[in-house]
Amino acid sequence: MKTIQVPTRNQVHETNQAIFDTLKSKVGFVPNLYATYAHSETALENYLNFANAKTSLSTKEKEVVNLAVSEVNKCTYCLSAHTAIAKMNGFNDDQILELRRGIASFDSKFNALAALAKNITENRGKTNPDVLEKFFEAGYTEGNLIDTISLVGEKTISNYLHNTTQVPVDFPEVQSLEAAIV
C-alpha cells in the first residue's frame, strides 16, 4: 500500500506555501493534517475557509461537535487535536471523555448538541426525531441546526482525510475511548 507523506513547505504550491507561513506564525507549526491537504493546490485553502466560516455556534459548542463526530468516525488525529483545543477552551478531561461519547452530563445544552452531532454522524444525516426535538427543547434554533450539520460535514472531511492517509499525529495523542474510560 502506498504511504502518504506529509509534504514540506518546499513540496507544495506557492499558494499553499503562503498558508503554511500564516499557520506557522499563528499556531507555531503547520499541523500534519493541514499539510496533507496541501497535496492539492486548492484543498487546504478551501478547507480552512470552510472550517473558519462564520457560525452561530460558540467556540465551545464547536468543540462539542468536533469531539462527538471525531469519536464516531474513530479519527485519532482529530480527537487528539480537539482534545487539546477543548482543554484550551475550558473543558476538563472528564468532560472531554463525555463529549466524545456524545453526552454532557455537566451541561444540558451541550448534552443536546453532543447527542445531535453523534446521532447525525452515526446515522449519516437520518437524524432520530427524538434527538432533534431535545436539541430544540434545549434552546437551539433552526439556524443552529444548519450550522451543526455544516460542522459535522466539515469535521467528517478531516476525519476521512486522516483515516485514509494515516499521517502522523502531531498533537498529544489520546487513547481510544474504551481504554480511556476503563
Protein backbone atom coordinates (compact mmCIF):
# COMPACT_ATOMS: atom_id res chain seq x y z
CA MET A 1 0.00 0.00 0.00
CA LYS A 2 1.23 3.48 -0.85
CA THR A 3 2.20 5.60 2.14
CA ILE A 4 1.00 9.20 2.03
CA GLN A 5 3.79 11.53 3.11
CA VAL A 6 3.32 14.86 4.84
CA PRO A 7 4.63 17.42 2.35
CA THR A 8 7.10 20.08 3.39
CA ARG A 9 6.72 23.74 2.52
CA ASN A 10 9.04 23.36 -0.47
CA GLN A 11 6.96 20.50 -1.87
CA VAL A 12 3.67 22.39 -2.13
CA HIS A 13 2.25 25.02 -4.48
CA GLU A 14 3.19 28.62 -3.71
CA THR A 15 -0.38 29.38 -2.63
CA ASN A 16 -0.06 26.68 0.00
CA GLN A 17 3.42 27.91 0.98
CA ALA A 18 1.83 31.24 1.96
CA ILE A 19 -0.80 29.38 4.02
CA PHE A 20 1.96 27.35 5.69
CA ASP A 21 3.70 30.61 6.62
CA THR A 22 0.49 32.02 8.10
CA LEU A 23 -0.20 28.83 10.06
CA LYS A 24 3.35 28.76 11.38
CA SER A 25 3.08 32.38 12.57
CA LYS A 26 -0.34 31.84 14.22
CA VAL A 27 -0.09 28.26 15.54
CA GLY A 28 3.67 27.84 15.79
CA PHE A 29 3.75 24.93 13.34
CA VAL A 30 1.88 23.50 10.36
CA PRO A 31 -0.24 20.59 11.62
CA ASN A 32 0.39 17.44 9.61
CA LEU A 33 -3.26 17.13 8.61
CA TYR A 34 -3.30 20.66 7.18
CA ALA A 35 -0.05 19.97 5.36
CA THR A 36 -1.64 16.85 3.88
CA TYR A 37 -4.47 18.93 2.42
CA ALA A 38 -1.71 20.85 0.60
CA HIS A 39 -1.05 17.92 -1.75
CA SER A 40 -3.86 19.64 -3.65
CA GLU A 41 -3.33 23.19 -4.88
CA THR A 42 -6.80 24.17 -3.67
CA ALA A 43 -7.97 21.84 -0.87
CA LEU A 44 -6.10 23.48 2.03
CA GLU A 45 -7.44 26.95 1.32
CA ASN A 46 -10.94 25.59 0.65
CA TYR A 47 -10.93 23.58 3.85
CA LEU A 48 -9.65 26.44 6.01
CA ASN A 49 -12.29 28.77 4.55
CA PHE A 50 -14.97 26.20 5.41
CA ALA A 51 -13.56 25.49 8.88
CA ASN A 52 -13.21 29.17 9.75
CA ALA A 53 -16.52 30.35 8.30
CA LYS A 54 -18.95 32.31 10.47
CA THR A 55 -21.31 30.20 12.54
CA SER A 56 -23.99 30.64 15.18
CA LEU A 57 -22.15 28.12 17.37
CA SER A 58 -19.72 29.31 20.03
CA THR A 59 -16.13 28.08 20.13
CA LYS A 60 -17.03 25.69 22.96
CA GLU A 61 -20.06 24.40 21.06
CA LYS A 62 -17.87 23.75 18.03
CA GLU A 63 -15.57 21.61 20.19
CA VAL A 64 -18.59 19.67 21.49
CA VAL A 65 -19.45 18.77 17.89
CA ASN A 66 -15.83 18.16 16.84
CA LEU A 67 -15.24 15.66 19.64
CA ALA A 68 -18.52 13.75 19.18
CA VAL A 69 -18.09 13.49 15.41
CA SER A 70 -14.41 12.54 15.56
CA GLU A 71 -15.19 9.77 18.06
CA VAL A 72 -17.90 8.28 15.87
CA ASN A 73 -15.51 8.41 12.91
CA LYS A 74 -12.64 6.99 15.04
CA CYS A 75 -10.19 9.70 13.93
CA THR A 76 -7.24 9.65 16.33
CA TYR A 77 -5.73 12.76 14.76
CA CYS A 78 -8.83 14.93 15.17
CA LEU A 79 -9.59 13.53 18.63
CA SER A 80 -6.06 14.41 19.71
CA ALA A 81 -6.15 17.90 18.18
CA HIS A 82 -9.63 18.72 19.50
CA THR A 83 -8.86 17.36 22.96
CA ALA A 84 -6.03 19.91 23.13
CA ILE A 85 -8.29 22.67 21.78
CA ALA A 86 -11.14 21.72 24.13
CA LYS A 87 -8.76 22.00 27.10
CA MET A 88 -7.73 25.47 25.89
CA ASN A 89 -11.45 26.34 25.86
CA GLY A 90 -12.03 25.27 29.46
CA PHE A 91 -13.18 21.66 29.24
CA ASN A 92 -11.58 19.21 31.68
CA ASP A 93 -10.53 15.61 30.96
CA ASP A 94 -13.74 14.03 32.27
CA GLN A 95 -15.91 16.44 30.29
CA ILE A 96 -13.92 15.72 27.13
CA LEU A 97 -14.42 11.98 27.57
CA GLU A 98 -18.16 12.54 27.96
CA LEU A 99 -18.28 14.73 24.86
CA ARG A 100 -16.51 12.02 22.90
CA ARG A 101 -19.34 9.67 23.96
CA GLY A 102 -21.92 12.17 22.71
CA ILE A 103 -23.12 13.28 26.14
CA ALA A 104 -22.52 16.16 28.54
CA SER A 105 -23.99 15.47 31.98
CA PHE A 106 -22.39 18.74 33.16
CA ASP A 107 -24.43 20.99 30.80
CA SER A 108 -27.91 20.26 29.42
CA LYS A 109 -27.48 22.41 26.31
CA PHE A 110 -24.12 20.81 25.43
CA ASN A 111 -25.74 17.43 26.11
CA ALA A 112 -28.39 18.04 23.45
CA LEU A 113 -25.76 19.31 21.00
CA ALA A 114 -23.38 16.39 21.58
CA ALA A 115 -26.23 13.88 21.20
CA LEU A 116 -27.32 15.52 17.95
CA ALA A 117 -23.81 15.59 16.48
CA LYS A 118 -23.27 11.94 17.38
CA ASN A 119 -26.67 10.91 16.01
CA ILE A 120 -26.25 12.79 12.72
CA THR A 121 -22.85 11.20 12.20
CA GLU A 122 -23.86 7.66 13.17
CA ASN A 123 -26.99 7.77 11.03
CA ARG A 124 -25.49 9.66 8.07
CA GLY A 125 -27.93 12.51 8.47
CA LYS A 126 -31.04 10.44 9.12
CA THR A 127 -31.43 12.06 12.50
CA ASN A 128 -33.58 10.49 15.20
CA PRO A 129 -36.63 12.78 15.69
CA ASP A 130 -36.38 12.49 19.50
CA VAL A 131 -32.75 13.65 19.46
CA LEU A 132 -33.70 16.55 17.20
CA GLU A 133 -36.60 17.52 19.46
CA LYS A 134 -34.32 17.57 22.53
CA PHE A 135 -31.92 19.81 20.59
CA PHE A 136 -34.70 22.35 20.01
CA GLU A 137 -36.01 21.97 23.58
CA ALA A 138 -32.52 22.89 24.83
CA GLY A 139 -32.94 26.29 23.18
CA TYR A 140 -31.27 25.77 19.83
CA THR A 141 -32.78 27.19 16.64
CA GLU A 142 -33.17 26.03 13.05
CA GLY A 143 -30.12 28.16 12.21
CA ASN A 144 -28.11 26.36 14.89
CA LEU A 145 -29.24 23.06 13.37
CA ILE A 146 -27.96 24.03 9.92
CA ASP A 147 -24.66 25.25 11.40
CA THR A 148 -24.32 21.99 13.36
CA ILE A 149 -24.90 19.91 10.23
CA SER A 150 -22.30 22.02 8.38
CA LEU A 151 -19.81 21.48 11.20
CA VAL A 152 -20.47 17.73 11.18
CA GLY A 153 -19.67 17.74 7.46
CA GLU A 154 -16.54 19.86 7.88
CA LYS A 155 -15.18 17.66 10.65
CA THR A 156 -16.04 14.49 8.76
CA ILE A 157 -13.87 15.68 5.85
CA SER A 158 -10.83 15.91 8.13
CA ASN A 159 -11.71 12.62 9.85
CA TYR A 160 -11.83 10.88 6.48
CA LEU A 161 -8.63 12.54 5.32
CA HIS A 162 -6.73 11.25 8.33
CA ASN A 163 -8.40 7.86 8.41
CA THR A 164 -7.39 7.38 4.76
CA THR A 165 -3.86 8.83 4.85
CA GLN A 166 -2.86 7.88 8.42
CA VAL A 167 -0.37 10.77 8.56
CA PRO A 168 1.41 11.03 11.92
CA VAL A 169 -0.46 12.68 14.80
CA ASP A 170 1.46 15.77 15.90
CA PHE A 171 -0.64 16.60 18.98
CA PRO A 172 -0.51 14.75 22.30
CA GLU A 173 -2.17 11.50 21.21
CA VAL A 174 -5.30 10.44 23.06
CA GLN A 175 -6.23 6.90 23.99
CA SER A 176 -9.18 5.13 22.46
CA LEU A 177 -12.36 5.92 24.35
CA GLU A 178 -12.58 2.33 25.53
CA ALA A 179 -9.07 2.48 27.04
CA ALA A 180 -9.59 5.96 28.50
CA ILE A 181 -12.76 5.14 30.46
CA VAL A 182 -11.58 1.83 31.95
